């Protein structure tokens, strides 16, 4: 949730401390033998408690009036970890379903139309979400669990950070021009974004048919939360650390690029 929302609704009233809640989450992960995941993000969680009742006819009756939202629990997000490097939590890289809209057409209502033989929706990213409240574990969801079959290389040469940074700056400049274009219907000219941190983590790269995937290191240029409507941790640009290619987290593939850095 956004920090502004937390400030508006008060501090977390969960009787467990953050450390205690994290220990409960890790214990359940161990019980399920999820040993190659690590917690990468923790958020205060807001719930809208609605106390439904069952009448004499066994019909569910909604509450007479809505109750105020309460910050009373924690959300933990965990992802796969290899060699102490994890998939970073962002609003893009934790999507549970991915859809490729590149070949879609529009209907009269602005909806998407896909050809009958086109496979456009495929596995989203791996993630584990746990909700902890004062009573302990509220729910645990393990999305798209996958099995690591082979390790192609334990270590791999990567570009220097200066090379990565040059690629990222060029991409950000390009995206800034595209976002401010008056000819683009998707333009967000009134939005200004600020990169507040640069982080190192794993990305999952899909093959062309979305049948197999590879995990490789990458640099994440992160946006400032609460800025221009951004409520969650989000990335502006993600750069493959090995060859400097641009990562598209919305479909999990690498974008064609000619940045001249891979030859240096």
C-alpha atoms as a PDB file:
ATOM      1  CA  UNK A   1       0.000   0.000   0.000  1.00  0.00           C
ATOM      2  CA  UNK A   2       1.119   3.576  -0.328  1.00  0.00           C
ATOM      3  CA  UNK A   3       2.725   5.328   2.656  1.00  0.00           C
ATOM      4  CA  UNK A   4       0.113   8.075   2.369  1.00  0.00           C
ATOM      5  CA  UNK A   5      -2.649   5.491   2.887  1.00  0.00           C
ATOM      6  CA  UNK A   6      -0.884   4.102   5.938  1.00  0.00           C
ATOM      7  CA  UNK A   7      -0.578   7.567   7.427  1.00  0.00           C
ATOM      8  CA  UNK A   8      -4.266   8.168   6.808  1.00  0.00           C
ATOM      9  CA  UNK A   9      -5.391   4.907   8.414  1.00  0.00           C
ATOM     10  CA  UNK A  10      -2.964   4.687  11.306  1.00  0.00           C
ATOM     11  CA  UNK A  11      -0.165   2.334  12.272  1.00  0.00           C
ATOM     12  CA  UNK A  12      -0.401  -1.445  12.021  1.00  0.00           C
ATOM     13  CA  UNK A  13      -2.458  -2.748  14.933  1.00  0.00           C
ATOM     14  CA  UNK A  14      -1.366  -6.386  14.534  1.00  0.00           C
ATOM     15  CA  UNK A  15      -0.438  -7.789  17.955  1.00  0.00           C
ATOM     16  CA  UNK A  16       2.543  -9.584  16.417  1.00  0.00           C
ATOM     17  CA  UNK A  17       5.724  -7.698  15.708  1.00  0.00           C
ATOM     18  CA  UNK A  18       7.060  -7.588  12.180  1.00  0.00           C
ATOM     19  CA  UNK A  19       9.860  -9.977  13.183  1.00  0.00           C
ATOM     20  CA  UNK A  20       7.416 -12.456  14.716  1.00  0.00           C
ATOM     21  CA  UNK A  21       5.180 -12.326  11.630  1.00  0.00           C
ATOM     22  CA  UNK A  22       8.180 -12.908   9.361  1.00  0.00           C
ATOM     23  CA  UNK A  23       9.248 -15.911  11.446  1.00  0.00           C
ATOM     24  CA  UNK A  24       5.756 -17.429  11.092  1.00  0.00           C
ATOM     25  CA  UNK A  25       5.929 -17.004   7.313  1.00  0.00           C
ATOM     26  CA  UNK A  26       9.371 -18.604   7.115  1.00  0.00           C
ATOM     27  CA  UNK A  27       8.207 -21.518   9.281  1.00  0.00           C
ATOM     28  CA  UNK A  28       5.353 -22.284   6.899  1.00  0.00           C
ATOM     29  CA  UNK A  29       7.743 -22.087   3.952  1.00  0.00           C
ATOM     30  CA  UNK A  30      10.013 -24.610   5.663  1.00  0.00           C
ATOM     31  CA  UNK A  31       7.040 -26.871   6.409  1.00  0.00           C
ATOM     32  CA  UNK A  32       6.131 -26.830   2.719  1.00  0.00           C
ATOM     33  CA  UNK A  33       9.829 -27.489   1.894  1.00  0.00           C
ATOM     34  CA  UNK A  34      10.098 -24.240  -0.036  1.00  0.00           C
ATOM     35  CA  UNK A  35      13.801 -23.846   0.627  1.00  0.00           C
ATOM     36  CA  UNK A  36      14.901 -21.811  -2.408  1.00  0.00           C
ATOM     37  CA  UNK A  37      12.635 -18.820  -1.778  1.00  0.00           C
ATOM     38  CA  UNK A  38      13.355 -15.739   0.298  1.00  0.00           C
ATOM     39  CA  UNK A  39      11.165 -12.886   1.551  1.00  0.00           C
ATOM     40  CA  UNK A  40      11.799  -9.859  -0.652  1.00  0.00           C
ATOM     41  CA  UNK A  41       9.051  -7.421   0.347  1.00  0.00           C
ATOM     42  CA  UNK A  42       6.945  -6.702   3.424  1.00  0.00           C
ATOM     43  CA  UNK A  43       3.891  -4.435   3.422  1.00  0.00           C
ATOM     44  CA  UNK A  44       1.388  -3.290   5.989  1.00  0.00           C
ATOM     45  CA  UNK A  45      -2.001  -4.606   4.907  1.00  0.00           C
ATOM     46  CA  UNK A  46      -5.357  -2.899   5.087  1.00  0.00           C
ATOM     47  CA  UNK A  47      -8.560  -4.904   5.381  1.00  0.00           C
ATOM     48  CA  UNK A  48     -12.181  -3.862   5.201  1.00  0.00           C
ATOM     49  CA  UNK A  49     -13.779  -5.990   7.951  1.00  0.00           C
ATOM     50  CA  UNK A  50     -17.327  -6.913   6.996  1.00  0.00           C
ATOM     51  CA  UNK A  51     -19.196  -8.947   9.602  1.00  0.00           C
ATOM     52  CA  UNK A  52     -21.800 -10.989   7.734  1.00  0.00           C
ATOM     53  CA  UNK A  53     -24.441 -12.896   9.695  1.00  0.00           C
ATOM     54  CA  UNK A  54     -26.618 -15.948   8.964  1.00  0.00           C
ATOM     55  CA  UNK A  55     -30.336 -15.540   9.735  1.00  0.00           C
ATOM     56  CA  UNK A  56     -32.846 -18.197  10.848  1.00  0.00           C
ATOM     57  CA  UNK A  57     -33.374 -19.252   7.225  1.00  0.00           C
ATOM     58  CA  UNK A  58     -29.635 -19.799   6.830  1.00  0.00           C
ATOM     59  CA  UNK A  59     -29.370 -16.896   4.430  1.00  0.00           C
ATOM     60  CA  UNK A  60     -26.294 -14.716   4.622  1.00  0.00           C
ATOM     61  CA  UNK A  61     -27.087 -11.135   5.517  1.00  0.00           C
ATOM     62  CA  UNK A  62     -24.603  -8.369   4.748  1.00  0.00           C
ATOM     63  CA  UNK A  63     -23.656  -5.884   7.455  1.00  0.00           C
ATOM     64  CA  UNK A  64     -26.022  -2.993   8.004  1.00  0.00           C
ATOM     65  CA  UNK A  65     -23.274  -0.478   7.444  1.00  0.00           C
ATOM     66  CA  UNK A  66     -19.739  -0.502   6.157  1.00  0.00           C
ATOM     67  CA  UNK A  67     -16.913  -0.538   8.648  1.00  0.00           C
ATOM     68  CA  UNK A  68     -13.804   1.578   8.361  1.00  0.00           C
ATOM     69  CA  UNK A  69     -10.701  -0.058   6.874  1.00  0.00           C
ATOM     70  CA  UNK A  70      -8.093  -1.116   9.402  1.00  0.00           C
ATOM     71  CA  UNK A  71      -4.340  -1.642   9.125  1.00  0.00           C
ATOM     72  CA  UNK A  72      -4.189  -4.881  11.080  1.00  0.00           C
ATOM     73  CA  UNK A  73      -1.916  -7.348   9.302  1.00  0.00           C
ATOM     74  CA  UNK A  74       1.214  -7.846   7.205  1.00  0.00           C
ATOM     75  CA  UNK A  75       1.736  -9.098   3.683  1.00  0.00           C
ATOM     76  CA  UNK A  76       4.954 -10.948   2.898  1.00  0.00           C
ATOM     77  CA  UNK A  77       6.118 -11.532  -0.659  1.00  0.00           C
ATOM     78  CA  UNK A  78       8.739 -14.199  -1.330  1.00  0.00           C
ATOM     79  CA  UNK A  79      10.486 -15.171  -4.548  1.00  0.00           C
ATOM     80  CA  UNK A  80      13.033 -17.668  -5.805  1.00  0.00           C
ATOM     81  CA  UNK A  81      16.617 -17.130  -4.711  1.00  0.00           C
ATOM     82  CA  UNK A  82      19.747 -18.461  -6.420  1.00  0.00           C
ATOM     83  CA  UNK A  83      23.282 -17.854  -5.140  1.00  0.00           C
ATOM     84  CA  UNK A  84      21.869 -15.288  -2.685  1.00  0.00           C
ATOM     85  CA  UNK A  85      20.287 -13.329  -5.537  1.00  0.00           C
ATOM     86  CA  UNK A  86      16.505 -13.020  -5.646  1.00  0.00           C
ATOM     87  CA  UNK A  87      13.775 -11.962  -8.019  1.00  0.00           C
ATOM     88  CA  UNK A  88      12.929  -8.445  -6.902  1.00  0.00           C
ATOM     89  CA  UNK A  89       9.417  -7.524  -5.903  1.00  0.00           C
ATOM     90  CA  UNK A  90       7.806  -5.009  -8.237  1.00  0.00           C
ATOM     91  CA  UNK A  91       4.230  -4.568  -9.403  1.00  0.00           C
ATOM     92  CA  UNK A  92       5.355  -5.955 -12.794  1.00  0.00           C
ATOM     93  CA  UNK A  93       7.534  -8.927 -11.850  1.00  0.00           C
ATOM     94  CA  UNK A  94       4.967 -10.442  -9.471  1.00  0.00           C
ATOM     95  CA  UNK A  95       2.107 -10.603 -12.013  1.00  0.00           C
ATOM     96  CA  UNK A  96       0.443 -14.014 -11.791  1.00  0.00           C
ATOM     97  CA  UNK A  97      -0.682 -14.059 -15.442  1.00  0.00           C
ATOM     98  CA  UNK A  98       1.021 -12.585 -18.502  1.00  0.00           C
ATOM     99  CA  UNK A  99      -0.735 -11.660 -21.735  1.00  0.00           C
ATOM    100  CA  UNK A 100       0.869 -10.676 -25.034  1.00  0.00           C
ATOM    101  CA  UNK A 101      -1.247  -8.000 -26.721  1.00  0.00           C
ATOM    102  CA  UNK A 102       1.170  -7.282 -29.588  1.00  0.00           C
ATOM    103  CA  UNK A 103      -0.885  -9.098 -32.265  1.00  0.00           C
ATOM    104  CA  UNK A 104      -4.325  -8.247 -30.904  1.00  0.00           C
ATOM    105  CA  UNK A 105      -6.898  -6.171 -32.758  1.00  0.00           C
ATOM    106  CA  UNK A 106      -9.518  -3.873 -31.300  1.00  0.00           C
ATOM    107  CA  UNK A 107     -13.267  -4.352 -31.405  1.00  0.00           C
ATOM    108  CA  UNK A 108     -15.802  -1.501 -31.597  1.00  0.00           C
ATOM    109  CA  UNK A 109     -15.795  -1.153 -27.798  1.00  0.00           C
ATOM    110  CA  UNK A 110     -12.028  -0.910 -27.529  1.00  0.00           C
ATOM    111  CA  UNK A 111     -11.616  -4.499 -26.349  1.00  0.00           C
ATOM    112  CA  UNK A 112      -8.978  -6.917 -27.576  1.00  0.00           C
ATOM    113  CA  UNK A 113      -9.620  -9.573 -30.234  1.00  0.00           C
ATOM    114  CA  UNK A 114      -7.226 -12.492 -30.650  1.00  0.00           C
ATOM    115  CA  UNK A 115      -7.169 -15.009 -33.470  1.00  0.00           C
ATOM    116  CA  UNK A 116      -8.535 -18.414 -32.534  1.00  0.00           C
ATOM    117  CA  UNK A 117      -5.184 -20.187 -32.939  1.00  0.00           C
ATOM    118  CA  UNK A 118      -3.116 -17.609 -31.068  1.00  0.00           C
ATOM    119  CA  UNK A 119      -1.815 -18.449 -27.621  1.00  0.00           C
ATOM    120  CA  UNK A 120      -1.573 -15.094 -25.878  1.00  0.00           C
ATOM    121  CA  UNK A 121      -1.909 -15.845 -22.162  1.00  0.00           C
ATOM    122  CA  UNK A 122       0.754 -17.798 -20.325  1.00  0.00           C
ATOM    123  CA  UNK A 123       2.331 -18.436 -16.970  1.00  0.00           C
ATOM    124  CA  UNK A 124       2.971 -15.427 -14.793  1.00  0.00           C
ATOM    125  CA  UNK A 125       5.899 -15.102 -12.467  1.00  0.00           C
ATOM    126  CA  UNK A 126       6.646 -17.294  -9.488  1.00  0.00           C
ATOM    127  CA  UNK A 127       5.751 -15.771  -6.150  1.00  0.00           C
ATOM    128  CA  UNK A 128       4.615 -16.620  -2.674  1.00  0.00           C
ATOM    129  CA  UNK A 129       2.286 -14.344  -0.716  1.00  0.00           C
ATOM    130  CA  UNK A 130       1.564 -14.784   2.984  1.00  0.00           C
ATOM    131  CA  UNK A 131      -0.854 -12.750   5.113  1.00  0.00           C
ATOM    132  CA  UNK A 132      -0.178 -12.644   8.848  1.00  0.00           C
ATOM    133  CA  UNK A 133      -2.613 -11.104  11.335  1.00  0.00           C
ATOM    134  CA  UNK A 134      -2.921 -11.255  15.119  1.00  0.00           C
ATOM    135  CA  UNK A 135      -4.124 -14.877  14.910  1.00  0.00           C
ATOM    136  CA  UNK A 136      -1.191 -16.017  12.804  1.00  0.00           C
ATOM    137  CA  UNK A 137      -1.321 -17.105   9.181  1.00  0.00           C
ATOM    138  CA  UNK A 138      -4.445 -15.830   7.430  1.00  0.00           C
ATOM    139  CA  UNK A 139      -3.628 -17.192   3.976  1.00  0.00           C
ATOM    140  CA  UNK A 140      -0.695 -18.346   1.873  1.00  0.00           C
ATOM    141  CA  UNK A 141      -0.679 -18.378  -1.934  1.00  0.00           C
ATOM    142  CA  UNK A 142       2.061 -19.965  -4.036  1.00  0.00           C
ATOM    143  CA  UNK A 143       1.694 -18.752  -7.617  1.00  0.00           C
ATOM    144  CA  UNK A 144       3.074 -20.616 -10.645  1.00  0.00           C
ATOM    145  CA  UNK A 145       5.606 -22.827  -8.814  1.00  0.00           C
ATOM    146  CA  UNK A 146       8.243 -24.144 -11.197  1.00  0.00           C
ATOM    147  CA  UNK A 147      11.118 -26.590 -11.025  1.00  0.00           C
ATOM    148  CA  UNK A 148      14.713 -25.642 -11.790  1.00  0.00           C
ATOM    149  CA  UNK A 149      15.939 -28.357 -14.164  1.00  0.00           C
ATOM    150  CA  UNK A 150      19.493 -27.331 -15.017  1.00  0.00           C
ATOM    151  CA  UNK A 151      22.124 -24.772 -14.091  1.00  0.00           C
ATOM    152  CA  UNK A 152      23.666 -23.598 -17.345  1.00  0.00           C
ATOM    153  CA  UNK A 153      26.380 -21.568 -15.618  1.00  0.00           C
ATOM    154  CA  UNK A 154      27.096 -20.962 -11.946  1.00  0.00           C
ATOM    155  CA  UNK A 155      28.713 -17.628 -12.803  1.00  0.00           C
ATOM    156  CA  UNK A 156      28.563 -15.499 -15.919  1.00  0.00           C
ATOM    157  CA  UNK A 157      30.488 -12.436 -17.107  1.00  0.00           C
ATOM    158  CA  UNK A 158      28.428  -9.277 -16.888  1.00  0.00           C
ATOM    159  CA  UNK A 159      28.726  -5.763 -18.228  1.00  0.00           C
ATOM    160  CA  UNK A 160      30.213  -3.093 -16.002  1.00  0.00           C
ATOM    161  CA  UNK A 161      27.810  -0.841 -14.155  1.00  0.00           C
ATOM    162  CA  UNK A 162      28.959   2.133 -16.268  1.00  0.00           C
ATOM    163  CA  UNK A 163      27.886   0.260 -19.393  1.00  0.00           C
ATOM    164  CA  UNK A 164      24.551  -0.680 -17.822  1.00  0.00           C
ATOM    165  CA  UNK A 165      23.964   2.873 -16.649  1.00  0.00           C
ATOM    166  CA  UNK A 166      24.618   4.301 -20.120  1.00  0.00           C
ATOM    167  CA  UNK A 167      22.061   1.895 -21.602  1.00  0.00           C
ATOM    168  CA  UNK A 168      19.524   2.713 -18.882  1.00  0.00           C
ATOM    169  CA  UNK A 169      19.891   6.466 -19.359  1.00  0.00           C
ATOM    170  CA  UNK A 170      19.407   6.136 -23.111  1.00  0.00           C
ATOM    171  CA  UNK A 171      16.308   4.002 -22.584  1.00  0.00           C
ATOM    172  CA  UNK A 172      14.880   6.392 -20.000  1.00  0.00           C
ATOM    173  CA  UNK A 173      15.432   9.327 -22.371  1.00  0.00           C
ATOM    174  CA  UNK A 174      13.643   7.409 -25.127  1.00  0.00           C
ATOM    175  CA  UNK A 175      10.738   6.514 -22.849  1.00  0.00           C
ATOM    176  CA  UNK A 176      10.433  10.114 -21.648  1.00  0.00           C
ATOM    177  CA  UNK A 177      10.057  11.319 -25.232  1.00  0.00           C
ATOM    178  CA  UNK A 178       7.518   8.582 -26.008  1.00  0.00           C
ATOM    179  CA  UNK A 179       5.504   9.327 -22.855  1.00  0.00           C
ATOM    180  CA  UNK A 180       5.234  13.013 -23.750  1.00  0.00           C
ATOM    181  CA  UNK A 181       4.150  12.481 -27.361  1.00  0.00           C
ATOM    182  CA  UNK A 182       0.878  14.297 -28.201  1.00  0.00           C
ATOM    183  CA  UNK A 183       0.307  11.816 -31.055  1.00  0.00           C
ATOM    184  CA  UNK A 184       0.258   8.724 -28.882  1.00  0.00           C
ATOM    185  CA  UNK A 185      -3.124   7.793 -27.330  1.00  0.00           C
ATOM    186  CA  UNK A 186      -1.292   6.098 -24.468  1.00  0.00           C
ATOM    187  CA  UNK A 187       0.790   9.169 -23.742  1.00  0.00           C
ATOM    188  CA  UNK A 188       1.056  10.302 -20.137  1.00  0.00           C
ATOM    189  CA  UNK A 189       2.493  13.730 -20.772  1.00  0.00           C
ATOM    190  CA  UNK A 190       1.487  15.115 -17.383  1.00  0.00           C
ATOM    191  CA  UNK A 191       3.427  12.442 -15.491  1.00  0.00           C
ATOM    192  CA  UNK A 192       6.989  12.906 -14.364  1.00  0.00           C
ATOM    193  CA  UNK A 193       8.883   9.985 -12.921  1.00  0.00           C
ATOM    194  CA  UNK A 194      11.917   9.873 -10.672  1.00  0.00           C
ATOM    195  CA  UNK A 195      14.319   6.936 -10.382  1.00  0.00           C
ATOM    196  CA  UNK A 196      15.100   6.756  -6.676  1.00  0.00           C
ATOM    197  CA  UNK A 197      17.097   3.522  -6.454  1.00  0.00           C
ATOM    198  CA  UNK A 198      18.992   1.032  -8.597  1.00  0.00           C
ATOM    199  CA  UNK A 199      18.769  -2.586  -7.455  1.00  0.00           C
ATOM    200  CA  UNK A 200      20.284  -5.895  -8.524  1.00  0.00           C
ATOM    201  CA  UNK A 201      18.198  -9.037  -8.813  1.00  0.00           C
ATOM    202  CA  UNK A 202      16.979 -11.884 -10.989  1.00  0.00           C
ATOM    203  CA  UNK A 203      14.693 -11.738 -14.003  1.00  0.00           C
ATOM    204  CA  UNK A 204      12.894 -14.665 -15.612  1.00  0.00           C
ATOM    205  CA  UNK A 205      13.325 -14.721 -19.392  1.00  0.00           C
ATOM    206  CA  UNK A 206      10.825 -16.698 -21.461  1.00  0.00           C
ATOM    207  CA  UNK A 207      11.632 -18.509 -24.685  1.00  0.00           C
ATOM    208  CA  UNK A 208       9.719 -17.512 -27.826  1.00  0.00           C
ATOM    209  CA  UNK A 209       6.962 -20.063 -27.137  1.00  0.00           C
ATOM    210  CA  UNK A 210       6.750 -19.419 -23.381  1.00  0.00           C
ATOM    211  CA  UNK A 211       7.491 -23.069 -22.674  1.00  0.00           C
ATOM    212  CA  UNK A 212      10.754 -22.742 -20.761  1.00  0.00           C
ATOM    213  CA  UNK A 213      12.418 -19.991 -18.798  1.00  0.00           C
ATOM    214  CA  UNK A 214      15.840 -18.826 -17.676  1.00  0.00           C
ATOM    215  CA  UNK A 215      16.849 -16.835 -14.615  1.00  0.00           C
ATOM    216  CA  UNK A 216      19.586 -14.260 -15.162  1.00  0.00           C
ATOM    217  CA  UNK A 217      20.845 -11.235 -13.181  1.00  0.00           C
ATOM    218  CA  UNK A 218      19.589  -7.765 -14.050  1.00  0.00           C
ATOM    219  CA  UNK A 219      19.657  -4.152 -12.904  1.00  0.00           C
ATOM    220  CA  UNK A 220      16.345  -2.583 -11.848  1.00  0.00           C
ATOM    221  CA  UNK A 221      15.890   1.191 -12.051  1.00  0.00           C
ATOM    222  CA  UNK A 222      13.144   1.745  -9.501  1.00  0.00           C
ATOM    223  CA  UNK A 223      10.505   4.480  -9.402  1.00  0.00           C
ATOM    224  CA  UNK A 224       9.557   6.496  -6.361  1.00  0.00           C
ATOM    225  CA  UNK A 225       6.360   5.165  -4.708  1.00  0.00           C
ATOM    226  CA  UNK A 226       3.454   7.591  -4.291  1.00  0.00           C
ATOM    227  CA  UNK A 227       4.638   9.525  -7.342  1.00  0.00           C
ATOM    228  CA  UNK A 228       2.231  10.054 -10.239  1.00  0.00           C
ATOM    229  CA  UNK A 229      -0.208   7.495  -8.841  1.00  0.00           C
ATOM    230  CA  UNK A 230       2.380   4.747  -8.255  1.00  0.00           C
ATOM    231  CA  UNK A 231       1.303   2.937  -5.088  1.00  0.00           C
ATOM    232  CA  UNK A 232       3.589  -0.078  -5.157  1.00  0.00           C
ATOM    233  CA  UNK A 233       7.235  -0.763  -5.804  1.00  0.00           C
ATOM    234  CA  UNK A 234       7.630  -0.374  -9.549  1.00  0.00           C
ATOM    235  CA  UNK A 235      10.476  -0.385 -12.068  1.00  0.00           C
ATOM    236  CA  UNK A 236      11.031   2.162 -14.834  1.00  0.00           C
ATOM    237  CA  UNK A 237      13.544   0.109 -16.800  1.00  0.00           C
ATOM    238  CA  UNK A 238      15.156  -3.305 -16.275  1.00  0.00           C
ATOM    239  CA  UNK A 239      18.504  -4.099 -17.943  1.00  0.00           C
ATOM    240  CA  UNK A 240      19.886  -7.600 -18.475  1.00  0.00           C
ATOM    241  CA  UNK A 241      23.240  -7.561 -16.659  1.00  0.00           C
ATOM    242  CA  UNK A 242      24.835 -10.062 -19.061  1.00  0.00           C
ATOM    243  CA  UNK A 243      24.302  -8.388 -22.436  1.00  0.00           C
ATOM    244  CA  UNK A 244      22.605  -5.049 -21.703  1.00  0.00           C
ATOM    245  CA  UNK A 245      19.325  -5.912 -23.402  1.00  0.00           C
ATOM    246  CA  UNK A 246      16.085  -4.318 -22.206  1.00  0.00           C
ATOM    247  CA  UNK A 247      13.741  -6.602 -20.281  1.00  0.00           C
ATOM    248  CA  UNK A 248       9.999  -6.408 -20.845  1.00  0.00           C
ATOM    249  CA  UNK A 249       8.424  -7.629 -17.574  1.00  0.00           C
ATOM    250  CA  UNK A 250       4.898  -7.480 -18.997  1.00  0.00           C
ATOM    251  CA  UNK A 251       5.546 -10.511 -21.212  1.00  0.00           C
ATOM    252  CA  UNK A 252       8.814 -11.742 -19.697  1.00  0.00           C
ATOM    253  CA  UNK A 253      10.991 -11.391 -22.795  1.00  0.00           C
ATOM    254  CA  UNK A 254      13.968  -9.329 -23.963  1.00  0.00           C
ATOM    255  CA  UNK A 255      13.452  -6.418 -26.337  1.00  0.00           C
ATOM    256  CA  UNK A 256      15.553  -6.122 -29.521  1.00  0.00           C
ATOM    257  CA  UNK A 257      18.250  -3.566 -28.818  1.00  0.00           C
ATOM    258  CA  UNK A 258      21.343  -2.069 -30.415  1.00  0.00           C
ATOM    259  CA  UNK A 259      23.179  -0.345 -27.630  1.00  0.00           C
ATOM    260  CA  UNK A 260      26.759  -1.043 -28.784  1.00  0.00           C
ATOM    261  CA  UNK A 261      27.669  -2.004 -25.221  1.00  0.00           C
ATOM    262  CA  UNK A 262      27.697  -5.750 -25.732  1.00  0.00           C
ATOM    263  CA  UNK A 263      30.720  -5.425 -28.021  1.00  0.00           C
ATOM    264  CA  UNK A 264      32.815  -3.504 -25.503  1.00  0.00           C
END
